[in-house]
């Protein structure tokens, strides 16, 4: 059958058909090789890759959350220090006022005894 087709059909058609058939065989063998490579991957290796990628993602998330929490804690610490400083100043003022009042009260009996 091939010999008859070679005699009847023009040479350019035979060359075209051969190139087409060679390309088809090449693509078929290439696809089989790629399929083997994909199926040859060990499932443990794939699970390890996925776990490593997932672990890296979670580590990044945890690091980001910890960094944010650190910033929040630093801001809260700064605010607490500001409040404690303010309260310390207010307590110092109150102590000074109490000392002045005691001095005034201490001075009162001596001035009232002088009036009697």
N, C-alpha and C. Protein backbone atom coordinates (compact mmCIF):
# COMPACT_ATOMS: atom_id res chain seq x y z
N UNK A 1 0.82 -1.19 0.00
CA UNK A 1 0.00 0.00 0.00
C UNK A 1 0.88 1.26 0.00
N UNK A 2 1.95 1.22 0.79
CA UNK A 2 2.85 2.37 0.83
C UNK A 2 3.52 2.59 -0.53
N UNK A 3 3.94 1.52 -1.11
CA UNK A 3 4.63 1.62 -2.40
C UNK A 3 3.70 2.23 -3.45
N UNK A 4 2.45 1.83 -3.43
CA UNK A 4 1.48 2.38 -4.36
C UNK A 4 1.25 3.87 -4.09
N UNK A 5 1.16 4.23 -2.80
CA UNK A 5 0.96 5.64 -2.44
C UNK A 5 2.16 6.47 -2.87
N UNK A 6 3.37 5.92 -2.76
CA UNK A 6 4.58 6.64 -3.16
C UNK A 6 4.60 6.88 -4.67
N UNK A 7 4.09 5.94 -5.42
CA UNK A 7 4.10 6.08 -6.87
C UNK A 7 3.04 7.06 -7.35
N UNK A 8 1.89 7.07 -6.67
CA UNK A 8 0.76 7.88 -7.15
C UNK A 8 0.85 9.32 -6.65
N UNK A 9 1.18 9.51 -5.39
CA UNK A 9 1.15 10.85 -4.77
C UNK A 9 2.39 11.65 -5.14
N UNK A 10 2.25 12.99 -5.18
CA UNK A 10 3.42 13.82 -5.49
C UNK A 10 4.44 13.78 -4.34
N UNK A 11 5.69 14.09 -4.69
CA UNK A 11 6.79 14.01 -3.71
C UNK A 11 6.59 15.00 -2.56
N UNK A 12 6.13 16.22 -2.83
CA UNK A 12 5.94 17.22 -1.77
C UNK A 12 4.92 16.75 -0.75
N UNK A 13 3.88 16.04 -1.18
CA UNK A 13 2.86 15.53 -0.25
C UNK A 13 3.44 14.44 0.65
N UNK A 14 4.26 13.58 0.06
CA UNK A 14 4.87 12.49 0.83
C UNK A 14 5.81 13.08 1.90
N UNK A 15 6.61 14.09 1.52
CA UNK A 15 7.50 14.75 2.48
C UNK A 15 6.69 15.44 3.60
N UNK A 16 5.63 16.10 3.23
CA UNK A 16 4.76 16.77 4.21
C UNK A 16 4.16 15.76 5.18
N UNK A 17 3.69 14.63 4.65
CA UNK A 17 3.09 13.60 5.49
C UNK A 17 4.14 13.00 6.43
N UNK A 18 5.36 12.78 5.94
CA UNK A 18 6.43 12.24 6.79
C UNK A 18 6.78 13.20 7.92
N UNK A 19 6.90 14.50 7.58
CA UNK A 19 7.19 15.51 8.62
C UNK A 19 6.07 15.54 9.66
N UNK A 20 4.83 15.47 9.18
CA UNK A 20 3.68 15.50 10.09
C UNK A 20 3.69 14.29 11.02
N UNK A 21 3.95 13.11 10.44
CA UNK A 21 4.00 11.89 11.23
C UNK A 21 5.15 11.91 12.23
N UNK A 22 6.32 12.41 11.84
CA UNK A 22 7.48 12.51 12.73
C UNK A 22 7.18 13.47 13.88
N UNK A 23 6.54 14.60 13.55
CA UNK A 23 6.18 15.57 14.59
C UNK A 23 5.20 14.96 15.57
N UNK A 24 4.22 14.22 15.05
CA UNK A 24 3.24 13.57 15.92
C UNK A 24 3.89 12.55 16.84
N UNK A 25 4.79 11.74 16.32
CA UNK A 25 5.51 10.77 17.16
C UNK A 25 6.35 11.48 18.21
N UNK A 26 7.04 12.56 17.78
CA UNK A 26 7.87 13.30 18.73
C UNK A 26 7.02 13.89 19.86
N UNK A 27 5.92 14.54 19.53
CA UNK A 27 5.07 15.13 20.55
C UNK A 27 4.45 14.06 21.46
N UNK A 28 4.11 12.92 20.89
CA UNK A 28 3.54 11.84 21.69
C UNK A 28 4.58 11.31 22.69
N UNK A 29 5.81 11.08 22.23
CA UNK A 29 6.84 10.58 23.14
C UNK A 29 7.20 11.64 24.19
N UNK A 30 7.20 12.91 23.80
CA UNK A 30 7.48 13.99 24.75
C UNK A 30 6.40 14.05 25.83
N UNK A 31 5.16 13.91 25.42
CA UNK A 31 4.08 13.95 26.41
C UNK A 31 4.16 12.76 27.36
N UNK A 32 4.54 11.59 26.84
CA UNK A 32 4.69 10.42 27.72
C UNK A 32 5.83 10.65 28.71
N UNK A 33 6.92 11.23 28.27
CA UNK A 33 8.04 11.49 29.15
C UNK A 33 7.66 12.49 30.25
N UNK A 34 6.96 13.54 29.86
CA UNK A 34 6.52 14.53 30.86
C UNK A 34 5.55 13.91 31.85
N UNK A 35 4.68 13.06 31.36
CA UNK A 35 3.74 12.38 32.25
C UNK A 35 4.48 11.48 33.24
N UNK A 36 5.51 10.79 32.77
CA UNK A 36 6.31 9.95 33.66
C UNK A 36 7.01 10.79 34.73
N UNK A 37 7.54 11.93 34.32
CA UNK A 37 8.20 12.80 35.29
C UNK A 37 7.23 13.27 36.36
N UNK A 38 6.03 13.61 35.96
CA UNK A 38 5.05 14.09 36.93
C UNK A 38 4.61 12.98 37.86
N UNK A 39 4.41 11.78 37.32
CA UNK A 39 3.96 10.68 38.17
C UNK A 39 5.10 10.07 38.97
N UNK A 40 6.34 10.29 38.55
CA UNK A 40 7.48 9.76 39.28
C UNK A 40 7.74 10.51 40.58
N UNK A 41 7.23 11.71 40.70
CA UNK A 41 7.45 12.46 41.94
C UNK A 41 6.85 11.69 43.10
N UNK A 42 7.64 11.53 44.10
CA UNK A 42 7.21 10.79 45.28
C UNK A 42 6.17 11.61 46.04
N UNK A 43 5.14 10.94 46.51
CA UNK A 43 4.08 11.65 47.24
C UNK A 43 4.62 12.23 48.55
N UNK A 44 5.57 11.54 49.19
CA UNK A 44 6.17 12.08 50.41
C UNK A 44 6.93 13.37 50.11
N UNK A 45 7.62 13.38 48.98
CA UNK A 45 8.35 14.57 48.58
C UNK A 45 7.38 15.73 48.33
N UNK A 46 6.28 15.43 47.65
CA UNK A 46 5.28 16.48 47.40
C UNK A 46 4.69 16.99 48.70
N UNK A 47 4.37 16.06 49.61
CA UNK A 47 3.81 16.48 50.90
C UNK A 47 4.84 17.32 51.67
N UNK A 48 6.10 16.93 51.58
CA UNK A 48 7.15 17.71 52.24
C UNK A 48 7.27 19.10 51.66
N UNK A 49 7.19 19.20 50.34
CA UNK A 49 7.25 20.52 49.70
C UNK A 49 6.06 21.38 50.12
N UNK A 50 4.88 20.77 50.11
CA UNK A 50 3.69 21.53 50.51
C UNK A 50 3.77 21.96 51.97
N UNK A 51 4.22 21.05 52.81
CA UNK A 51 4.34 21.39 54.23
C UNK A 51 5.38 22.49 54.43
N UNK A 52 6.47 22.42 53.71
CA UNK A 52 7.51 23.46 53.84
C UNK A 52 6.98 24.80 53.36
N UNK A 53 6.25 24.79 52.26
CA UNK A 53 5.68 26.05 51.76
C UNK A 53 4.66 26.59 52.75
N UNK A 54 3.82 25.70 53.27
CA UNK A 54 2.81 26.12 54.22
C UNK A 54 3.47 26.60 55.51
N UNK A 55 4.53 25.89 55.94
CA UNK A 55 5.24 26.27 57.15
C UNK A 55 5.88 27.64 56.97
N UNK A 56 6.45 27.89 55.81
CA UNK A 56 7.04 29.19 55.55
C UNK A 56 6.00 30.29 55.57
N UNK A 57 4.83 29.99 55.04
CA UNK A 57 3.74 30.97 55.05
C UNK A 57 3.32 31.27 56.48
N UNK A 58 3.13 30.21 57.27
CA UNK A 58 2.70 30.41 58.66
C UNK A 58 3.79 31.11 59.48
N UNK A 59 5.04 30.78 59.21
CA UNK A 59 6.13 31.46 59.92
C UNK A 59 6.12 32.94 59.61
N UNK A 60 5.89 33.28 58.35
CA UNK A 60 5.81 34.68 57.97
C UNK A 60 4.65 35.38 58.65
N UNK A 61 3.50 34.69 58.71
CA UNK A 61 2.33 35.27 59.37
C UNK A 61 2.61 35.48 60.85
N UNK A 62 3.20 34.48 61.50
CA UNK A 62 3.49 34.58 62.92
C UNK A 62 4.49 35.71 63.18
N UNK A 63 5.50 35.80 62.33
CA UNK A 63 6.49 36.87 62.49
C UNK A 63 5.83 38.24 62.34
N UNK A 64 4.95 38.36 61.37
CA UNK A 64 4.25 39.63 61.16
C UNK A 64 3.38 39.97 62.37
N UNK A 65 2.65 38.99 62.87
CA UNK A 65 1.80 39.23 64.04
C UNK A 65 2.63 39.61 65.26
N UNK A 66 3.75 38.92 65.46
CA UNK A 66 4.62 39.23 66.59
C UNK A 66 5.23 40.62 66.47
N UNK A 67 5.60 41.00 65.25
CA UNK A 67 6.13 42.35 65.05
C UNK A 67 5.08 43.40 65.39
N UNK A 68 3.86 43.16 64.95
CA UNK A 68 2.77 44.11 65.25
C UNK A 68 2.49 44.16 66.74
N UNK A 69 2.49 42.99 67.38
CA UNK A 69 2.25 42.96 68.83
C UNK A 69 3.37 43.69 69.57
N UNK A 70 4.60 43.55 69.09
CA UNK A 70 5.72 44.25 69.71
C UNK A 70 5.54 45.76 69.60
N UNK A 71 5.11 46.22 68.43
CA UNK A 71 4.87 47.66 68.26
C UNK A 71 3.75 48.15 69.18
N UNK A 72 2.70 47.35 69.30
CA UNK A 72 1.58 47.72 70.17
C UNK A 72 2.04 47.77 71.62
N UNK A 73 2.83 46.78 72.04
CA UNK A 73 3.32 46.76 73.41
C UNK A 73 4.26 47.93 73.69
N UNK A 74 5.08 48.29 72.72
CA UNK A 74 5.96 49.45 72.90
C UNK A 74 5.14 50.73 73.06
N UNK A 75 4.09 50.86 72.26
CA UNK A 75 3.23 52.06 72.36
C UNK A 75 2.51 52.09 73.71
N UNK A 76 2.01 50.92 74.14
CA UNK A 76 1.34 50.87 75.46
C UNK A 76 2.33 51.18 76.58
N UNK A 77 3.54 50.67 76.49
CA UNK A 77 4.56 50.97 77.50
C UNK A 77 4.86 52.46 77.55
N UNK A 78 4.96 53.08 76.37
CA UNK A 78 5.20 54.53 76.32
C UNK A 78 4.04 55.29 76.97
N UNK A 79 2.83 54.87 76.68
CA UNK A 79 1.66 55.54 77.29
C UNK A 79 1.63 55.35 78.81
N UNK A 80 1.96 54.13 79.25
CA UNK A 80 1.97 53.85 80.69
C UNK A 80 3.03 54.70 81.37
N UNK A 81 4.19 54.82 80.76
CA UNK A 81 5.24 55.66 81.34
C UNK A 81 4.80 57.11 81.40
N UNK A 82 4.09 57.57 80.37
CA UNK A 82 3.58 58.93 80.39
C UNK A 82 2.57 59.15 81.50
N UNK A 83 1.67 58.17 81.68
CA UNK A 83 0.67 58.27 82.74
C UNK A 83 1.33 58.22 84.11
N UNK A 84 2.30 57.32 84.29
CA UNK A 84 2.96 57.22 85.59
C UNK A 84 3.76 58.49 85.89
N UNK A 85 4.36 59.08 84.87
CA UNK A 85 5.08 60.34 85.07
C UNK A 85 4.12 61.45 85.48
N UNK A 86 2.99 61.51 84.78
CA UNK A 86 1.99 62.53 85.12
C UNK A 86 1.47 62.33 86.53
N UNK A 87 1.16 61.10 86.88
CA UNK A 87 0.66 60.83 88.23
C UNK A 87 1.73 61.10 89.28
N UNK A 88 2.98 60.80 88.94
CA UNK A 88 4.08 61.10 89.87
C UNK A 88 4.20 62.59 90.11
N UNK A 89 4.06 63.37 89.05
CA UNK A 89 4.12 64.83 89.20
C UNK A 89 2.94 65.33 90.03
N UNK A 90 1.75 64.77 89.77
CA UNK A 90 0.57 65.17 90.54
C UNK A 90 0.73 64.81 92.01
N UNK A 91 1.29 63.64 92.30
CA UNK A 91 1.52 63.23 93.68
C UNK A 91 2.54 64.15 94.36
N UNK A 92 3.55 64.53 93.63
CA UNK A 92 4.55 65.45 94.19
C UNK A 92 3.91 66.80 94.51
N UNK A 93 3.03 67.28 93.62
CA UNK A 93 2.32 68.54 93.89
C UNK A 93 1.44 68.40 95.12
N UNK A 94 0.72 67.27 95.22
CA UNK A 94 -0.14 67.05 96.38
C UNK A 94 0.67 66.98 97.67
N UNK A 95 1.83 66.33 97.63
CA UNK A 95 2.68 66.26 98.82
C UNK A 95 3.15 67.66 99.22
N UNK A 96 3.52 68.45 98.22
CA UNK A 96 3.94 69.82 98.52
C UNK A 96 2.79 70.62 99.14
N UNK A 97 1.56 70.44 98.59
CA UNK A 97 0.40 71.14 99.14
C UNK A 97 0.11 70.70 100.57
N UNK A 98 0.20 69.37 100.81
CA UNK A 98 -0.04 68.85 102.16
C UNK A 98 1.02 69.40 103.12
N UNK A 99 2.26 69.45 102.69
CA UNK A 99 3.33 69.99 103.54
C UNK A 99 3.06 71.47 103.83
N UNK A 100 2.63 72.22 102.81
CA UNK A 100 2.33 73.64 103.03
C UNK A 100 1.14 73.80 103.98
N UNK A 101 0.12 72.97 103.82
CA UNK A 101 -1.04 73.03 104.72
C UNK A 101 -0.64 72.67 106.15
N UNK A 102 0.22 71.67 106.30
CA UNK A 102 0.68 71.30 107.65
C UNK A 102 1.46 72.46 108.27
N UNK A 103 2.26 73.07 107.43
CA UNK A 103 3.01 74.21 107.96
C UNK A 103 2.05 75.33 108.38
N UNK A 104 1.02 75.56 107.57
CA UNK A 104 0.02 76.58 107.92
C UNK A 104 -0.75 76.19 109.18
N UNK A 105 -1.12 74.90 109.26
CA UNK A 105 -1.85 74.43 110.44
C UNK A 105 -0.94 74.48 111.66
N UNK A 106 0.30 74.15 111.51
CA UNK A 106 1.26 74.21 112.61
C UNK A 106 1.46 75.64 113.08
N UNK A 107 1.37 76.56 112.18
CA UNK A 107 1.55 77.97 112.54
C UNK A 107 0.29 78.54 113.18
N UNK A 108 -0.84 77.97 112.93
CA UNK A 108 -2.11 78.47 113.48
C UNK A 108 -2.19 78.37 115.01
N UNK A 109 -1.89 77.30 115.67
CA UNK A 109 -2.02 77.25 117.13
C UNK A 109 -1.14 78.27 117.81
N UNK A 110 0.02 78.48 117.29
CA UNK A 110 0.87 79.48 117.95
C UNK A 110 0.30 80.89 117.79
N UNK A 111 -0.33 81.16 116.66
CA UNK A 111 -0.92 82.48 116.48
C UNK A 111 -2.23 82.61 117.27
N UNK A 112 -3.00 81.52 117.44
CA UNK A 112 -4.24 81.59 118.23
C UNK A 112 -3.93 81.65 119.71
N UNK A 113 -2.86 81.02 120.16
CA UNK A 113 -2.49 81.11 121.58
C UNK A 113 -2.00 82.51 121.92
N UNK A 114 -1.43 83.18 120.96
CA UNK A 114 -0.97 84.54 121.21
C UNK A 114 -2.14 85.49 121.33
N UNK A 115 -3.25 85.20 120.67
CA UNK A 115 -4.42 86.05 120.74
C UNK A 115 -5.15 85.88 122.06
N UNK A 116 -5.06 84.81 122.76
CA UNK A 116 -5.77 84.58 123.99
C UNK A 116 -5.12 85.25 125.10
